[in-house]
N, C-alpha and C. Protein backbone atom coordinates (compact mmCIF):
# COMPACT_ATOMS: atom_id res chain seq x y z
N MET A 1 17.65 20.91 -13.83
CA MET A 1 17.47 21.11 -12.35
C MET A 1 16.02 21.09 -12.04
N ALA A 2 15.16 21.67 -12.76
CA ALA A 2 13.66 21.70 -12.51
C ALA A 2 13.03 20.41 -12.55
N GLN A 3 13.52 19.50 -13.52
CA GLN A 3 13.15 18.16 -13.63
C GLN A 3 13.43 17.37 -12.37
N GLU A 4 14.66 17.55 -11.95
CA GLU A 4 15.12 16.78 -10.65
C GLU A 4 14.22 17.20 -9.46
N GLN A 5 13.99 18.56 -9.33
CA GLN A 5 13.15 19.03 -8.26
C GLN A 5 11.78 18.53 -8.37
N ALA A 6 11.22 18.43 -9.61
CA ALA A 6 9.86 17.81 -9.81
C ALA A 6 9.84 16.33 -9.29
N LEU A 7 10.97 15.51 -9.73
CA LEU A 7 11.08 14.20 -9.29
C LEU A 7 11.17 14.14 -7.86
N LEU A 8 11.94 14.85 -7.12
CA LEU A 8 12.09 14.89 -5.70
C LEU A 8 10.72 15.27 -4.96
N ARG A 9 10.04 16.13 -5.54
CA ARG A 9 8.69 16.44 -5.04
C ARG A 9 7.71 15.28 -5.13
N ALA A 10 7.80 14.54 -6.11
CA ALA A 10 6.92 13.41 -6.45
C ALA A 10 7.40 12.26 -5.50
N VAL A 11 8.64 12.10 -5.27
CA VAL A 11 9.11 11.05 -4.38
C VAL A 11 8.69 11.41 -2.86
N ALA A 12 8.77 12.66 -2.47
CA ALA A 12 8.33 13.04 -1.22
C ALA A 12 6.82 12.87 -1.04
N GLY A 13 6.06 13.20 -2.11
CA GLY A 13 4.63 12.99 -2.01
C GLY A 13 4.29 11.43 -1.84
N PHE A 14 5.00 10.63 -2.58
CA PHE A 14 4.71 9.24 -2.60
C PHE A 14 4.98 8.73 -1.19
N TYR A 15 6.12 9.06 -0.52
CA TYR A 15 6.43 8.64 0.73
C TYR A 15 5.46 9.15 1.86
N LYS A 16 4.94 10.36 1.54
CA LYS A 16 3.93 10.81 2.46
C LYS A 16 2.64 10.04 2.39
N VAL A 17 2.35 9.61 1.28
CA VAL A 17 1.15 8.59 1.15
C VAL A 17 1.54 7.38 1.82
N LEU A 18 2.66 6.84 1.83
CA LEU A 18 2.97 5.51 2.49
C LEU A 18 3.19 5.77 4.13
N GLY A 19 3.21 7.08 4.47
CA GLY A 19 3.59 7.34 5.94
C GLY A 19 2.39 7.25 6.84
N ASN A 20 1.61 6.24 6.74
CA ASN A 20 0.42 5.99 7.60
C ASN A 20 0.40 4.49 7.97
N GLU A 21 0.31 4.20 9.27
CA GLU A 21 0.41 2.91 9.74
C GLU A 21 -0.65 1.98 9.18
N SER A 22 -1.81 2.54 8.99
CA SER A 22 -2.96 1.69 8.52
C SER A 22 -2.80 1.28 7.05
N ARG A 23 -2.27 2.33 6.29
CA ARG A 23 -2.04 2.12 4.89
C ARG A 23 -0.90 1.06 4.72
N LEU A 24 0.19 1.20 5.56
CA LEU A 24 1.22 0.15 5.60
C LEU A 24 0.68 -1.19 5.97
N ALA A 25 -0.18 -1.24 6.98
CA ALA A 25 -0.73 -2.61 7.35
C ALA A 25 -1.40 -3.18 6.21
N ILE A 26 -2.31 -2.49 5.40
CA ILE A 26 -2.91 -2.89 4.24
C ILE A 26 -1.94 -3.34 3.18
N LEU A 27 -0.93 -2.54 2.99
CA LEU A 27 0.10 -2.90 1.92
C LEU A 27 0.92 -4.13 2.28
N HIS A 28 1.26 -4.14 3.66
CA HIS A 28 1.98 -5.36 4.16
C HIS A 28 1.18 -6.64 3.84
N TYR A 29 -0.08 -6.62 4.09
CA TYR A 29 -0.87 -7.81 3.85
C TYR A 29 -0.87 -8.05 2.36
N MET A 30 -1.13 -7.13 1.52
CA MET A 30 -1.06 -7.33 0.12
C MET A 30 0.14 -7.81 -0.44
N VAL A 31 1.24 -7.39 0.02
CA VAL A 31 2.58 -7.88 -0.29
C VAL A 31 2.86 -9.24 0.04
N THR A 32 2.35 -9.68 1.20
CA THR A 32 2.65 -11.05 1.72
C THR A 32 1.66 -12.12 1.37
N HIS A 33 0.58 -11.61 0.71
CA HIS A 33 -0.40 -12.49 0.14
C HIS A 33 -0.76 -12.33 -1.30
N PRO A 34 -0.09 -13.15 -2.16
CA PRO A 34 -0.18 -12.86 -3.56
C PRO A 34 -1.62 -12.77 -4.17
N GLY A 35 -1.78 -12.11 -5.22
CA GLY A 35 -3.07 -12.10 -5.90
C GLY A 35 -3.92 -10.80 -5.29
N PRO A 36 -5.03 -10.65 -6.03
CA PRO A 36 -5.84 -9.54 -5.62
C PRO A 36 -6.65 -9.83 -4.35
N VAL A 37 -6.90 -8.84 -3.58
CA VAL A 37 -7.60 -9.00 -2.35
C VAL A 37 -8.82 -8.08 -2.33
N TYR A 38 -9.86 -8.41 -1.56
CA TYR A 38 -10.93 -7.52 -1.52
C TYR A 38 -11.09 -6.95 -0.14
N VAL A 39 -11.90 -5.86 -0.05
CA VAL A 39 -12.07 -5.06 1.23
C VAL A 39 -12.33 -5.91 2.40
N SER A 40 -13.30 -6.78 2.46
CA SER A 40 -13.71 -7.51 3.56
C SER A 40 -12.56 -8.46 4.01
N GLU A 41 -11.70 -8.97 3.13
CA GLU A 41 -10.59 -9.73 3.47
C GLU A 41 -9.47 -8.91 4.24
N LEU A 42 -9.29 -7.67 3.68
CA LEU A 42 -8.40 -6.78 4.43
C LEU A 42 -8.91 -6.37 5.72
N VAL A 43 -10.13 -6.23 5.99
CA VAL A 43 -10.77 -5.90 7.24
C VAL A 43 -10.46 -6.93 8.24
N ALA A 44 -10.79 -8.25 7.79
CA ALA A 44 -10.61 -9.45 8.57
C ALA A 44 -9.11 -9.56 8.91
N LYS A 45 -8.27 -9.43 8.04
CA LYS A 45 -6.86 -9.71 8.25
C LYS A 45 -6.02 -8.62 9.00
N THR A 46 -6.47 -7.37 8.88
CA THR A 46 -5.74 -6.29 9.46
C THR A 46 -6.39 -5.82 10.70
N GLY A 47 -7.71 -6.07 10.83
CA GLY A 47 -8.38 -5.48 12.07
C GLY A 47 -8.75 -4.20 11.99
N ILE A 48 -8.71 -3.53 10.78
CA ILE A 48 -9.00 -2.22 10.64
C ILE A 48 -10.48 -2.05 10.05
N ALA A 49 -11.24 -1.15 10.63
CA ALA A 49 -12.66 -1.02 10.33
C ALA A 49 -12.81 -0.83 8.83
N GLN A 50 -14.00 -1.42 8.25
CA GLN A 50 -14.27 -1.25 6.84
C GLN A 50 -14.22 0.20 6.32
N PRO A 51 -14.82 1.13 6.89
CA PRO A 51 -14.76 2.45 6.32
C PRO A 51 -13.34 2.95 6.26
N THR A 52 -12.53 2.68 7.19
CA THR A 52 -11.18 3.09 7.30
C THR A 52 -10.42 2.41 6.20
N VAL A 53 -10.58 1.13 6.03
CA VAL A 53 -9.81 0.40 5.00
C VAL A 53 -10.26 0.97 3.62
N SER A 54 -11.50 1.27 3.41
CA SER A 54 -12.02 1.76 2.10
C SER A 54 -11.33 3.10 1.80
N LYS A 55 -11.31 3.98 2.80
CA LYS A 55 -10.67 5.32 2.74
C LYS A 55 -9.30 5.19 2.33
N HIS A 56 -8.49 4.35 2.98
CA HIS A 56 -7.12 4.23 2.74
C HIS A 56 -6.86 3.53 1.26
N LEU A 57 -7.68 2.62 1.02
CA LEU A 57 -7.56 2.07 -0.32
C LEU A 57 -7.83 3.18 -1.52
N ALA A 58 -8.74 4.04 -1.18
CA ALA A 58 -9.00 5.13 -2.11
C ALA A 58 -7.81 6.00 -2.28
N ILE A 59 -7.20 6.34 -1.26
CA ILE A 59 -5.99 7.20 -1.27
C ILE A 59 -4.89 6.51 -2.01
N LEU A 60 -4.68 5.17 -1.70
CA LEU A 60 -3.59 4.36 -2.40
C LEU A 60 -3.95 4.21 -3.91
N TYR A 61 -5.24 4.12 -4.29
CA TYR A 61 -5.54 4.03 -5.62
C TYR A 61 -5.34 5.45 -6.40
N GLN A 62 -5.73 6.46 -5.67
CA GLN A 62 -5.49 7.80 -6.32
C GLN A 62 -4.07 8.18 -6.55
N ASN A 63 -3.16 7.61 -5.76
CA ASN A 63 -1.78 7.81 -5.90
C ASN A 63 -1.02 6.66 -6.48
N HIS A 64 -1.67 5.81 -7.31
CA HIS A 64 -1.12 4.83 -8.11
C HIS A 64 -0.21 3.77 -7.36
N VAL A 65 -0.69 3.48 -6.06
CA VAL A 65 -0.01 2.53 -5.27
C VAL A 65 -0.71 1.16 -5.49
N VAL A 66 -1.93 1.07 -5.63
CA VAL A 66 -2.76 -0.04 -5.91
C VAL A 66 -3.65 0.14 -7.14
N THR A 67 -4.11 -0.93 -7.69
CA THR A 67 -5.07 -0.95 -8.83
C THR A 67 -6.41 -1.57 -8.32
N ARG A 68 -7.38 -1.26 -8.94
CA ARG A 68 -8.77 -2.00 -8.50
C ARG A 68 -9.43 -2.51 -9.68
N GLU A 69 -10.26 -3.55 -9.42
CA GLU A 69 -11.01 -4.23 -10.46
C GLU A 69 -12.35 -4.70 -9.80
N THR A 70 -13.42 -4.38 -10.51
CA THR A 70 -14.71 -4.86 -9.92
C THR A 70 -15.09 -6.26 -10.58
N SER A 71 -15.61 -7.05 -9.76
CA SER A 71 -16.05 -8.40 -10.17
C SER A 71 -17.38 -8.70 -9.42
N GLY A 72 -18.46 -8.51 -10.04
CA GLY A 72 -19.70 -8.68 -9.36
C GLY A 72 -19.92 -7.63 -8.35
N ASN A 73 -20.22 -7.97 -7.16
CA ASN A 73 -20.29 -6.95 -6.09
C ASN A 73 -19.07 -6.76 -5.22
N ARG A 74 -18.00 -7.26 -5.67
CA ARG A 74 -16.67 -7.17 -4.96
C ARG A 74 -15.69 -6.29 -5.71
N VAL A 75 -14.92 -5.51 -5.06
CA VAL A 75 -13.82 -4.72 -5.68
C VAL A 75 -12.58 -5.29 -5.22
N TYR A 76 -11.68 -5.78 -6.15
CA TYR A 76 -10.37 -6.34 -5.78
C TYR A 76 -9.31 -5.29 -6.02
N TYR A 77 -8.33 -5.25 -5.07
CA TYR A 77 -7.15 -4.49 -5.12
C TYR A 77 -5.95 -5.19 -5.20
N GLU A 78 -4.85 -4.64 -5.86
CA GLU A 78 -3.63 -5.33 -6.07
C GLU A 78 -2.53 -4.21 -6.07
N ILE A 79 -1.38 -4.58 -5.68
CA ILE A 79 -0.25 -3.59 -5.73
C ILE A 79 -0.08 -3.18 -7.19
N TYR A 80 0.15 -1.84 -7.39
CA TYR A 80 0.12 -1.27 -8.76
C TYR A 80 0.97 -2.08 -9.94
N ASP A 81 2.22 -2.42 -9.56
CA ASP A 81 2.98 -3.20 -10.47
C ASP A 81 4.03 -4.03 -9.72
N GLN A 82 4.74 -4.94 -10.36
CA GLN A 82 5.68 -5.78 -9.83
C GLN A 82 6.85 -5.08 -9.23
N HIS A 83 7.31 -3.92 -9.80
CA HIS A 83 8.46 -3.13 -9.30
C HIS A 83 8.05 -2.56 -8.01
N LEU A 84 6.99 -1.97 -7.85
CA LEU A 84 6.45 -1.44 -6.65
C LEU A 84 6.37 -2.50 -5.61
N LYS A 85 5.80 -3.60 -5.90
CA LYS A 85 5.68 -4.75 -4.93
C LYS A 85 7.05 -5.15 -4.48
N GLN A 86 8.05 -5.30 -5.32
CA GLN A 86 9.37 -5.56 -4.90
C GLN A 86 10.03 -4.63 -4.00
N THR A 87 9.69 -3.34 -4.26
CA THR A 87 10.29 -2.32 -3.47
C THR A 87 9.59 -2.43 -2.06
N LEU A 88 8.35 -2.55 -1.98
CA LEU A 88 7.75 -2.73 -0.72
C LEU A 88 8.17 -3.97 0.06
N GLU A 89 8.22 -5.05 -0.68
CA GLU A 89 8.78 -6.34 0.00
C GLU A 89 10.25 -6.03 0.50
N ALA A 90 11.08 -5.40 -0.20
CA ALA A 90 12.41 -5.14 0.30
C ALA A 90 12.45 -4.17 1.56
N THR A 91 11.50 -3.22 1.60
CA THR A 91 11.44 -2.33 2.64
C THR A 91 10.94 -3.07 3.89
N PHE A 92 9.90 -3.91 3.86
CA PHE A 92 9.37 -4.65 4.88
C PHE A 92 10.48 -5.59 5.39
N THR A 93 11.18 -6.36 4.51
CA THR A 93 12.12 -7.26 4.88
C THR A 93 13.30 -6.56 5.58
N HIS A 94 13.73 -5.51 5.13
CA HIS A 94 14.80 -4.70 5.65
C HIS A 94 14.44 -4.29 7.10
N LEU A 95 13.31 -3.76 7.29
CA LEU A 95 12.93 -3.32 8.70
C LEU A 95 12.61 -4.38 9.62
N GLU A 96 12.12 -5.55 9.11
CA GLU A 96 11.90 -6.72 9.98
C GLU A 96 13.16 -7.18 10.70
N HIS A 97 14.41 -6.94 10.12
CA HIS A 97 15.57 -7.29 10.77
C HIS A 97 16.27 -6.26 11.55
N MET A 98 15.61 -5.22 11.75
CA MET A 98 16.17 -4.07 12.60
C MET A 98 15.72 -4.24 14.10
N ASP A 99 16.48 -3.80 14.92
CA ASP A 99 16.15 -3.72 16.34
C ASP A 99 15.63 -2.36 16.76
N PHE A 100 14.31 -2.37 17.04
CA PHE A 100 13.70 -1.03 17.49
C PHE A 100 13.47 -0.89 18.91
N SER A 101 14.22 -1.73 19.70
CA SER A 101 13.96 -1.72 21.15
C SER A 101 14.55 -0.43 21.79
N ASN A 102 15.40 0.21 21.16
CA ASN A 102 16.08 1.39 21.75
C ASN A 102 15.24 2.68 21.63
């Protein structure tokens, strides 16, 4: 029972990390554009200010949602693993087909 409670606490914390529209905009771009992305690309494509993108990427990185790799003066980010990417893709696809007009 304690192990199940710990898992539920971890899942709740994970969804709390995802529960931010800016982070979801960043993740949506990353899911729909394969390969690593860098901060200025995310700024240009999401319209979110650079300091805000960097702050949210740090939170996503700390919570194992994205990975990062430095190459020269650029830092590239990618969804943590294929399983998480598929989960996010399924979530976005599911919600794109829903009617939120009510």
